[in-house]
Protein backbone atom coordinates (compact mmCIF):
# COMPACT_ATOMS: atom_id res chain seq x y z
CA MET A 1 -6.83 -27.85 24.57
CA PHE A 2 -3.76 -26.01 25.81
CA HIS A 3 -0.49 -27.45 27.05
CA SER A 4 2.84 -26.12 28.26
CA THR A 5 5.70 -25.18 25.96
CA ARG A 6 7.71 -27.59 28.12
CA GLY A 7 5.29 -30.51 28.53
CA THR A 8 2.27 -32.34 27.14
CA LYS A 9 -0.26 -32.23 29.99
CA THR A 10 -3.41 -30.61 28.55
CA VAL A 11 -5.83 -28.18 30.18
CA THR A 12 -9.01 -26.42 29.10
CA SER A 13 -9.22 -22.74 28.19
CA PRO A 14 -10.62 -21.71 31.61
CA GLU A 15 -7.86 -23.67 33.37
CA ALA A 16 -5.12 -22.11 31.22
CA ILE A 17 -6.54 -18.64 31.82
CA LEU A 18 -6.76 -19.02 35.60
CA ASN A 19 -3.40 -20.80 35.93
CA GLY A 20 -1.54 -18.16 33.92
CA LEU A 21 1.69 -20.15 34.04
CA ALA A 22 1.89 -23.92 33.54
CA GLU A 23 2.94 -26.14 36.46
CA ASP A 24 6.34 -26.84 34.88
CA GLY A 25 7.08 -23.14 34.41
CA GLY A 26 6.25 -23.16 30.70
CA LEU A 27 3.71 -21.04 28.82
CA TYR A 28 0.41 -22.32 27.47
CA VAL A 29 0.17 -22.93 23.72
CA ILE A 30 -2.06 -24.70 21.18
CA ASP A 31 -0.42 -26.92 18.57
CA ASP A 32 -3.30 -26.75 16.12
CA LEU A 33 -4.14 -23.06 15.96
CA PRO A 34 -7.83 -22.31 15.35
CA ALA A 35 -9.12 -21.57 11.86
CA VAL A 36 -9.73 -17.83 11.35
CA ASP A 37 -10.82 -16.61 7.90
CA TYR A 38 -9.66 -12.98 7.77
CA LYS A 39 -11.92 -12.29 4.78
CA SER A 40 -14.98 -13.03 6.90
CA LEU A 41 -13.90 -10.37 9.42
CA LEU A 42 -13.34 -7.42 7.09
CA ASP A 43 -16.70 -5.74 7.72
CA ASP A 44 -16.77 -6.27 11.49
CA ASP A 45 -16.39 -3.57 14.11
CA TYR A 46 -13.58 -4.07 16.60
CA GLN A 47 -15.68 -5.71 19.31
CA THR A 48 -17.29 -8.21 16.94
CA MET A 49 -13.98 -9.12 15.32
CA ALA A 50 -12.40 -9.56 18.76
CA ALA A 51 -15.25 -11.77 19.97
CA LYS A 52 -14.91 -14.05 16.93
CA ILE A 53 -11.14 -14.42 17.30
CA LEU A 54 -11.28 -14.99 21.06
CA ASN A 55 -14.12 -17.46 20.67
CA ALA A 56 -11.92 -19.44 18.25
CA PHE A 57 -9.15 -19.61 20.87
CA PHE A 58 -11.43 -20.21 23.85
CA PRO A 59 -14.37 -22.32 22.59
CA GLU A 60 -15.57 -23.19 26.10
CA PHE A 61 -17.11 -19.71 26.17
CA THR A 62 -19.94 -18.74 23.83
CA PHE A 63 -19.62 -15.93 21.31
CA ALA A 64 -22.44 -14.10 23.12
CA GLU A 65 -20.65 -14.35 26.49
CA ILE A 66 -17.42 -12.96 25.07
CA LYS A 67 -19.11 -10.24 23.02
CA LYS A 68 -21.02 -8.95 26.05
CA GLU A 69 -17.81 -8.64 28.05
CA LEU A 70 -15.96 -6.95 25.18
CA ASP A 71 -18.72 -4.40 24.60
CA GLU A 72 -18.49 -3.39 28.25
CA ALA A 73 -14.68 -3.48 28.37
CA TYR A 74 -14.07 -1.30 25.34
CA SER A 75 -16.78 1.23 26.25
CA THR A 76 -14.14 3.00 28.37
CA PHE A 77 -11.97 3.86 25.33
CA ASP A 78 -11.96 7.40 23.95
CA THR A 79 -12.69 6.30 20.37
CA LYS A 80 -15.56 4.10 19.19
CA ASN A 81 -13.12 2.32 16.86
CA VAL A 82 -11.00 1.25 19.89
CA VAL A 83 -7.82 1.77 17.83
CA GLU A 84 -6.99 4.29 15.09
CA LEU A 85 -4.71 4.41 12.04
CA THR A 86 -2.89 7.62 11.09
CA LYS A 87 -1.21 7.79 7.67
CA ALA A 88 2.41 8.90 7.25
CA ASP A 89 3.39 8.38 3.59
CA ASN A 90 3.78 4.63 2.99
CA ALA A 91 3.47 3.91 6.70
CA TYR A 92 0.58 4.08 9.15
CA PHE A 93 0.73 4.63 12.89
CA LEU A 94 -1.52 2.10 14.60
CA GLU A 95 -2.65 3.99 17.71
CA LEU A 96 -3.16 1.51 20.53
CA PHE A 97 -3.30 4.10 23.31
CA HIS A 98 -6.95 5.14 23.40
CA GLY A 99 -7.73 3.14 26.54
CA PRO A 100 -7.99 4.24 30.17
CA THR A 101 -4.22 4.20 30.88
CA LEU A 102 -3.09 5.48 27.45
CA ALA A 103 -1.08 2.39 26.48
CA PHE A 104 -1.50 -0.69 24.28
CA LYS A 105 -1.70 -2.92 27.34
CA ASP A 106 -5.27 -1.67 27.83
CA LEU A 107 -6.41 -3.58 24.72
CA ALA A 108 -5.84 -6.87 26.55
CA LEU A 109 -6.02 -5.87 30.19
CA VAL A 110 -9.60 -4.63 30.08
CA VAL A 111 -10.46 -8.07 28.67
CA LEU A 112 -8.34 -10.44 30.76
CA PRO A 113 -10.18 -9.84 34.07
CA ARG A 114 -13.48 -10.54 32.35
CA LEU A 115 -12.19 -13.77 30.81
CA MET A 116 -10.95 -14.77 34.24
CA LYS A 117 -14.37 -14.04 35.71
CA LEU A 118 -15.98 -16.25 33.05
CA SER A 119 -13.37 -18.94 33.72
CA LYS A 120 -14.11 -18.95 37.44
CA GLU A 121 -17.82 -19.34 36.66
CA LYS A 122 -17.18 -22.24 34.23
CA LEU A 123 -14.99 -24.07 36.74
CA GLY A 124 -17.07 -23.23 39.80
CA TYR A 125 -14.00 -21.67 41.41
CA LYS A 126 -14.97 -19.68 44.52
CA LYS A 127 -11.63 -18.64 46.05
CA ASN A 128 -10.18 -15.15 45.69
CA ILE A 129 -7.46 -15.08 43.03
CA THR A 130 -4.49 -12.73 43.39
CA ILE A 131 -2.94 -11.48 40.19
CA LEU A 132 0.83 -11.19 40.62
CA THR A 133 2.50 -9.30 37.83
CA ALA A 134 5.77 -7.56 37.03
CA THR A 135 5.82 -4.44 34.90
CA SER A 136 8.34 -2.29 33.07
CA GLY A 137 5.74 0.47 33.14
CA ASP A 138 2.54 0.09 31.15
CA THR A 139 1.27 -3.34 32.22
CA GLY A 140 1.02 -2.25 35.86
CA GLY A 141 -1.39 0.64 35.39
CA ALA A 142 -3.48 -1.22 32.85
CA ALA A 143 -3.70 -4.35 35.03
CA LEU A 144 -4.67 -2.34 38.12
CA ASN A 145 -7.32 -0.53 36.11
CA GLY A 146 -8.69 -3.82 34.81
CA PHE A 147 -8.61 -5.95 37.95
CA THR A 148 -9.40 -3.71 40.91
CA PRO A 149 -13.15 -3.46 40.08
CA VAL A 150 -13.59 -7.24 39.65
CA PRO A 151 -15.08 -9.12 42.64
CA GLY A 152 -13.11 -12.14 43.81
CA MET A 153 -9.87 -10.73 42.41
CA SER A 154 -6.93 -8.91 43.99
CA ILE A 155 -3.69 -7.72 42.45
CA VAL A 156 -0.05 -7.17 43.39
CA VAL A 157 2.13 -5.23 40.93
CA LEU A 158 5.93 -5.10 41.11
CA TYR A 159 7.92 -2.50 39.20
CA PRO A 160 11.63 -1.53 39.19
CA ASN A 161 12.23 1.46 41.45
CA GLY A 162 13.44 4.32 39.25
CA GLY A 163 12.83 2.25 36.13
CA VAL A 164 9.49 3.67 34.97
CA SER A 165 8.37 7.13 33.92
CA PRO A 166 6.82 9.50 36.50
CA VAL A 167 3.44 9.22 34.74
CA GLN A 168 3.58 5.42 34.76
CA GLU A 169 4.48 5.44 38.44
CA ALA A 170 1.72 7.90 39.29
CA GLN A 171 -0.81 5.77 37.44
CA MET A 172 0.14 2.67 39.38
CA CYS A 173 0.45 4.27 42.80
CA SER A 174 -2.93 5.99 42.46
CA PHE A 175 -4.63 2.58 42.75
CA LYS A 176 -5.09 2.09 46.45
CA GLY A 177 -7.64 -0.25 47.94
CA GLU A 178 -8.41 -3.39 49.83
CA ASN A 179 -7.56 -5.59 46.84
CA ALA A 180 -4.48 -3.88 45.36
CA ALA A 181 -0.80 -3.46 46.27
CA VAL A 182 1.93 -1.72 44.26
CA LEU A 183 5.56 -2.38 45.18
CA ALA A 184 8.70 -0.66 43.88
CA ILE A 185 11.48 -3.27 43.86
CA GLU A 186 15.15 -2.37 44.20
CA GLY A 187 16.31 -3.89 40.92
CA ASN A 188 15.43 -3.88 37.22
CA PHE A 189 12.44 -5.33 35.37
CA ASP A 190 14.15 -8.67 34.79
CA ASP A 191 14.61 -8.98 38.57
CA CYS A 192 10.88 -8.33 39.05
CA GLN A 193 9.89 -10.78 36.33
CA SER A 194 12.21 -13.51 37.58
CA PHE A 195 10.86 -13.01 41.09
CA VAL A 196 7.28 -13.48 39.88
CA LYS A 197 8.15 -16.75 38.12
CA GLU A 198 9.97 -18.06 41.20
CA PHE A 199 7.12 -16.99 43.47
CA PHE A 200 4.64 -18.95 41.36
CA LYS A 201 6.89 -22.01 41.50
CA ASN A 202 7.47 -21.79 45.26
CA HIS A 203 3.94 -20.91 46.38
CA LYS A 204 1.66 -23.37 44.62
CA ASP A 205 -0.48 -23.43 47.77
CA LEU A 206 -1.61 -19.86 47.08
CA SER A 207 -4.38 -18.91 44.66
CA LEU A 208 -2.37 -16.99 42.05
CA SER A 209 -2.51 -16.01 38.41
CA SER A 210 -0.72 -13.58 36.12
CA ALA A 211 -1.60 -10.52 34.06
CA ASN A 212 1.65 -10.51 32.10
CA SER A 213 1.51 -11.67 28.50
CA ILE A 214 2.71 -15.05 29.72
CA ASN A 215 -1.06 -15.53 30.31
CA ILE A 216 -2.62 -16.77 27.07
CA ALA A 217 -5.74 -14.66 27.70
CA ARG A 218 -3.53 -11.57 27.86
CA LEU A 219 -1.84 -12.49 24.59
CA ALA A 220 -4.85 -13.55 22.49
CA PRO A 221 -6.68 -10.16 22.55
CA GLN A 222 -3.55 -8.55 21.09
CA ILE A 223 -3.94 -10.60 17.91
CA VAL A 224 -7.11 -8.68 17.11
CA TYR A 225 -5.60 -5.31 16.24
CA TYR A 226 -3.44 -6.90 13.54
CA PHE A 227 -6.57 -8.17 11.81
CA TYR A 228 -8.43 -4.91 12.45
CA SER A 229 -5.70 -2.69 10.98
CA TYR A 230 -5.64 -4.87 7.86
CA ALA A 231 -9.43 -4.57 7.53
CA ASN A 232 -9.17 -0.81 8.02
CA LEU A 233 -6.68 -0.48 5.16
CA VAL A 234 -8.98 -2.52 2.92
CA LYS A 235 -11.95 -0.28 3.79
CA ARG A 236 -9.91 2.81 3.00
CA GLY A 237 -9.01 1.39 -0.39
CA ASP A 238 -5.31 1.60 0.45
CA ILE A 239 -4.86 -2.13 -0.11
CA LYS A 240 -6.87 -4.83 -1.86
CA VAL A 241 -7.99 -8.07 -0.21
CA GLY A 242 -5.05 -10.45 -0.36
CA ASP A 243 -2.35 -7.77 -0.48
CA GLU A 244 0.44 -8.31 2.03
CA ILE A 245 1.38 -5.69 4.62
CA THR A 246 4.25 -5.44 7.10
CA PHE A 247 4.10 -4.63 10.81
CA CYS A 248 6.83 -2.87 12.78
CA VAL A 249 6.52 -3.46 16.53
CA PRO A 250 8.38 -1.93 19.50
CA THR A 251 9.33 -4.96 21.52
CA GLY A 252 10.44 -5.74 25.06
CA ASN A 253 8.80 -8.86 26.46
CA PHE A 254 7.98 -10.08 22.91
CA GLY A 255 4.23 -10.42 23.53
CA ASN A 256 3.14 -7.67 21.14
CA ILE A 257 5.09 -8.92 18.13
CA LEU A 258 4.27 -12.54 19.01
CA ALA A 259 0.61 -11.60 18.55
CA GLY A 260 1.53 -10.45 15.04
CA PHE A 261 3.36 -13.73 14.44
CA LEU A 262 0.24 -15.64 15.50
CA ALA A 263 -1.93 -13.43 13.25
CA LYS A 264 0.26 -14.45 10.31
CA LYS A 265 0.05 -18.12 11.29
CA LEU A 266 -3.74 -17.74 11.43
CA GLY A 267 -3.74 -16.62 7.80
CA LEU A 268 -3.55 -12.83 7.85
CA PRO A 269 -1.55 -11.64 4.78
CA VAL A 270 1.50 -10.41 6.67
CA LYS A 271 4.64 -10.04 4.57
CA ASN A 272 7.23 -9.23 7.25
CA LEU A 273 7.46 -8.53 10.97
CA ILE A 274 9.97 -5.93 12.14
CA CYS A 275 11.19 -6.24 15.73
CA ALA A 276 12.14 -2.81 17.10
CA SER A 277 14.35 -2.60 20.20
CA ASN A 278 16.14 0.13 22.10
CA LYS A 279 19.72 0.04 23.45
CA ASN A 280 18.85 -3.21 25.23
CA ASN A 281 19.15 -5.00 21.91
CA VAL A 282 19.08 -8.65 22.98
CA LEU A 283 16.30 -9.41 20.46
CA THR A 284 18.10 -7.63 17.61
CA GLU A 285 21.07 -9.93 18.15
CA PHE A 286 18.79 -12.96 18.45
CA PHE A 287 17.34 -12.43 14.97
CA ALA A 288 20.64 -11.34 13.44
CA LYS A 289 22.93 -14.04 14.89
CA GLY A 290 20.70 -16.81 16.22
CA THR A 291 21.94 -16.35 19.79
CA TYR A 292 19.90 -15.20 22.76
CA ASN A 293 22.31 -13.79 25.34
CA LYS A 294 21.08 -11.97 28.42
CA ASN A 295 24.66 -11.71 29.76
CA ARG A 296 25.16 -8.07 28.86
CA PRO A 297 24.91 -4.65 30.48
CA PHE A 298 21.38 -3.50 31.34
CA PHE A 299 20.56 0.05 30.26
CA LYS A 300 17.91 2.38 31.62
CA THR A 301 16.74 4.31 28.58
CA ASN A 302 14.17 6.91 27.54
CA SER A 303 11.96 4.05 26.26
CA PRO A 304 11.73 2.23 29.61
CA SER A 305 9.00 -0.28 28.69
CA MET A 306 11.58 -1.97 26.45
CA ASP A 307 14.33 -2.04 29.09
CA ILE A 308 14.21 -5.83 29.24
CA LEU A 309 16.85 -8.54 28.76
CA ILE A 310 14.67 -11.61 29.36
CA SER A 311 11.81 -11.59 26.85
CA SER A 312 9.43 -14.14 28.36
CA ASN A 313 7.13 -14.55 25.36
CA LEU A 314 10.04 -15.50 23.14
CA GLU A 315 9.58 -18.97 24.65
CA ARG A 316 6.32 -19.39 22.73
CA PHE A 317 8.03 -18.27 19.53
CA VAL A 318 10.90 -20.72 20.09
CA TYR A 319 8.36 -23.48 20.68
CA TYR A 320 6.53 -22.87 17.39
CA ALA A 321 9.68 -22.08 15.40
CA GLY A 322 11.38 -25.18 16.79
CA GLY A 323 8.70 -27.52 15.45
CA CYS A 324 6.48 -27.63 18.57
CA ASP A 325 9.13 -29.64 20.41
CA THR A 326 8.51 -29.43 24.18
CA LYS A 327 11.78 -31.11 25.15
CA LYS A 328 13.84 -28.79 22.96
CA THR A 329 12.05 -25.76 24.36
CA ALA A 330 12.55 -26.91 27.95
CA ASP A 331 16.27 -27.51 27.27
CA LEU A 332 16.72 -24.03 25.79
CA MET A 333 14.91 -22.36 28.68
CA ASN A 334 17.05 -24.31 31.13
CA GLN A 335 20.16 -23.05 29.32
CA LEU A 336 18.84 -19.50 29.60
CA ASN A 337 18.19 -19.98 33.32
CA THR A 338 21.54 -21.60 34.13
CA LYS A 339 23.93 -20.00 31.62
CA GLY A 340 22.04 -16.92 30.43
CA ILE A 341 22.49 -17.87 26.78
CA TYR A 342 21.26 -20.29 24.12
CA ASP A 343 21.58 -20.72 20.36
CA PHE A 344 18.54 -21.00 18.15
CA LYS A 345 18.30 -20.63 14.40
CA ASN A 346 15.08 -18.86 13.44
CA PRO A 347 13.56 -20.63 10.41
CA TYR A 348 11.32 -17.69 9.46
CA GLU A 349 12.90 -15.30 6.98
CA TYR A 350 10.13 -12.73 7.41
CA PHE A 351 11.57 -11.39 10.69
CA TYR A 352 13.71 -8.25 10.63
CA ALA A 353 15.19 -6.59 13.71
CA TYR A 354 16.72 -3.17 14.43
CA SER A 355 17.69 -1.24 17.55
CA THR A 356 17.59 2.50 18.27
CA ASN A 357 19.73 4.37 20.78
CA GLU A 358 18.50 7.21 22.99
CA GLU A 359 19.83 10.05 20.85
CA GLU A 360 18.22 8.55 17.74
CA THR A 361 14.95 8.15 19.64
CA LEU A 362 14.78 11.87 20.40
CA SER A 363 15.78 12.76 16.85
CA VAL A 364 12.98 10.60 15.43
CA ILE A 365 10.36 12.16 17.71
CA LYS A 366 11.29 15.60 16.41
CA SER A 367 11.62 14.62 12.74
CA VAL A 368 8.21 12.87 12.71
CA TYR A 369 6.60 15.95 14.26
CA ASP A 370 8.35 18.30 11.84
CA LYS A 371 7.32 16.20 8.82
CA TYR A 372 3.81 15.09 9.77
CA ASN A 373 2.77 17.42 12.62
CA TYR A 374 2.30 14.24 14.62
CA LEU A 375 3.64 13.66 18.13
CA ILE A 376 4.87 10.21 19.14
CA ASP A 377 6.24 8.65 22.31
CA PRO A 378 9.79 7.19 22.61
CA HIS A 379 8.71 3.57 22.04
CA THR A 380 6.87 4.50 18.86
CA ALA A 381 9.97 6.44 17.83
CA CYS A 382 12.03 3.24 18.12
CA SER A 383 9.40 1.52 15.99
CA TYR A 384 9.38 4.23 13.32
CA ASN A 385 13.17 4.28 13.17
CA ALA A 386 13.19 0.51 12.66
CA TYR A 387 10.68 0.98 9.84
CA ALA A 388 12.96 3.59 8.25
CA GLU A 389 15.95 1.21 8.50
CA TYR A 390 13.87 -1.59 7.01
CA ALA A 391 12.72 0.61 4.11
CA LYS A 392 16.32 1.63 3.41
CA GLU A 393 17.55 -1.97 3.51
CA THR A 394 14.77 -3.58 1.48
CA GLY A 395 13.35 -0.78 -0.68
CA ASN A 396 9.92 -1.98 0.42
CA THR A 397 6.79 -1.13 -1.54
CA GLU A 398 4.16 -2.76 0.68
CA LYS A 399 2.22 -0.78 3.27
CA VAL A 400 3.83 -0.80 6.70
CA VAL A 401 1.92 -0.45 9.96
CA VAL A 402 4.07 1.11 12.68
CA VAL A 403 2.63 -0.05 15.98
CA SER A 404 2.28 2.93 18.33
CA THR A 405 2.12 1.62 21.86
CA ALA A 406 1.70 4.67 24.11
CA SER A 407 0.49 8.25 24.20
CA PRO A 408 3.27 10.87 24.25
CA TYR A 409 1.68 12.04 27.50
CA LYS A 410 3.02 8.94 29.25
CA PHE A 411 6.61 10.11 28.64
CA PRO A 412 6.43 13.93 28.61
CA GLN A 413 10.03 14.50 29.77
CA SER A 414 11.50 12.50 26.91
CA VAL A 415 9.17 14.01 24.31
CA LEU A 416 10.01 17.53 25.47
CA ALA A 417 13.74 16.70 25.47
CA ALA A 418 13.44 15.94 21.74
CA PHE A 419 12.62 19.61 21.23
CA GLY A 420 15.28 20.95 23.58
CA VAL A 421 12.83 21.66 26.39
CA LYS A 422 14.03 20.70 29.85
CA ALA A 423 11.39 19.32 32.17
CA ASP A 424 11.82 18.06 35.72
CA GLU A 425 10.75 14.59 36.83
CA SER A 426 7.38 15.80 38.10
CA LEU A 427 3.88 15.57 36.69
CA GLU A 428 4.08 19.29 35.87
CA SER A 429 5.76 18.22 32.64
CA ILE A 430 2.33 17.10 31.44
CA LYS A 431 1.15 20.71 31.44
CA THR A 432 4.40 21.83 29.79
CA LEU A 433 3.79 19.34 26.99
CA SER A 434 0.19 20.48 26.62
CA ASP A 435 1.14 24.16 26.47
CA LYS A 436 3.92 23.64 23.91
CA PHE A 437 1.93 21.53 21.47
CA LYS A 438 -1.55 22.93 22.20
CA LEU A 439 -2.87 19.48 23.10
CA ALA A 440 -5.68 18.81 25.54
CA ILE A 441 -4.55 16.89 28.62
CA PRO A 442 -6.42 13.57 28.89
CA ALA A 443 -8.70 13.54 31.92
CA VAL A 444 -7.20 10.25 33.13
CA LEU A 445 -3.92 12.03 33.90
CA ASN A 446 -5.23 13.71 37.05
CA TYR A 447 -3.26 11.92 39.79
CA PRO A 448 -2.69 12.49 43.49
CA ALA A 449 0.82 12.79 44.90
CA VAL A 450 2.81 9.58 44.51
CA GLU A 451 3.31 7.47 47.63
CA ARG A 452 5.78 4.64 46.99
CA GLU A 453 6.17 1.35 48.80
CA ILE A 454 9.79 0.31 48.21
CA VAL A 455 10.85 -3.27 48.97
CA LYS A 456 14.29 -4.86 48.69
CA LEU A 457 14.37 -7.87 46.38
CA ALA A 458 15.57 -10.08 49.24
CA ASP A 459 12.52 -9.12 51.30
CA ALA A 460 9.95 -9.33 48.50
CA ASP A 461 8.95 -12.98 48.95
CA LYS A 462 7.74 -12.58 52.52
CA TYR A 463 6.16 -9.23 51.73
CA VAL A 464 4.17 -10.53 48.75
CA GLU A 465 3.18 -13.73 50.55
CA ASP A 466 1.73 -11.69 53.40
CA LYS A 467 -0.17 -9.47 50.95
CA VAL A 468 -1.66 -12.43 49.11
CA LYS A 469 -2.75 -14.15 52.33
CA CYS A 470 -4.26 -10.90 53.57
CA PHE A 471 -6.29 -10.50 50.36
CA ALA A 472 -7.45 -14.13 50.56
CA SER A 473 -8.72 -13.69 54.10
CA LYS A 474 -11.11 -10.85 53.22
């Protein structure tokens, strides 16, 4: 049974999945995490491993039900392995961008709509559900791709106007239909995310849920690729069963690295977790000083998916790290909401954190290509730079998996800038990137001209309410 990070009222898996956010504004968690024996998963393909792990988290569904949905969901990926590992000396790039929108969010967002469909069936829920989600870039396209084909579902995506890459924007705005709306909000991602939380709180009469990683069914599928990468290294003979490995994760909303934290708590032999940030280094300070302080300048950077100052999933981490104390968690989140700051001493010594500025990001993209003939996106560059800092600081000898969250094609302007090539803010930069590096352009990058719907933050509540009611009436 699940309950809120801020309260003790329990709900079933289907209820937690459909609710998205708990009634008190908290996030759903389990105190007694399910038993997962990583050794029993080592020979599984990705879909089978995922079905076993998800079935452990959501026992109201059968293994067969989950496996069927996963087989269909991951059939759209461009590799049968779903994810890939590319070696770079003592590190490995974990490629999570082989899905339909070329970003790691696909791993969960092709699954979440299917788990919601199963949840509706279990609960006998007939109403249309509108997914309301904020995005700093990648979640939006992946959520639209996942939800628009599902009957009984509609989706509204909010993104910061001017705060995503042209490719990300084109992906989102190409989804037009009777059950989808995409709104550019005048503000930053934190404004969009805060709006979504307030909208949920103020519109409990509407049938709403979330596709952000605040939804437990969005978070749980991300745990799988930590187990799968470990199994892959064992199969290669690069590690032995029981050896510890370290993961380095580019981090904005804290969902991706939280999945690694949960994998370790489930028993995967993880030595350390490295939290990689960009110039918006609120998480770096949190792990270094024990203070979370969002009262700082907000920077738009060349790794826009990490341009975040309020990392929502950190609440789940604080809950577990604080001894599963709902009152303490609620107090800290209230401090964040009212003062923008709270103090919290992290008891886990296996967390490291580093930040990377924009100039360093471009330098890393070029140096990785020069050394390994391997092209990475800006977020992966932040991750690799954090790994390099970690290796320098610790003299590590264990294998390190550098989580690669997006295809370089999602950020062609920044990738080209690393090599001194100027590209305008149009989709033509995709072809420029292809020509320079002799890479085939993924078929999914064929987009129509972008048509934006821009809404002022002050007007967003009425606008979204009207959209949701319109979807519900169809």
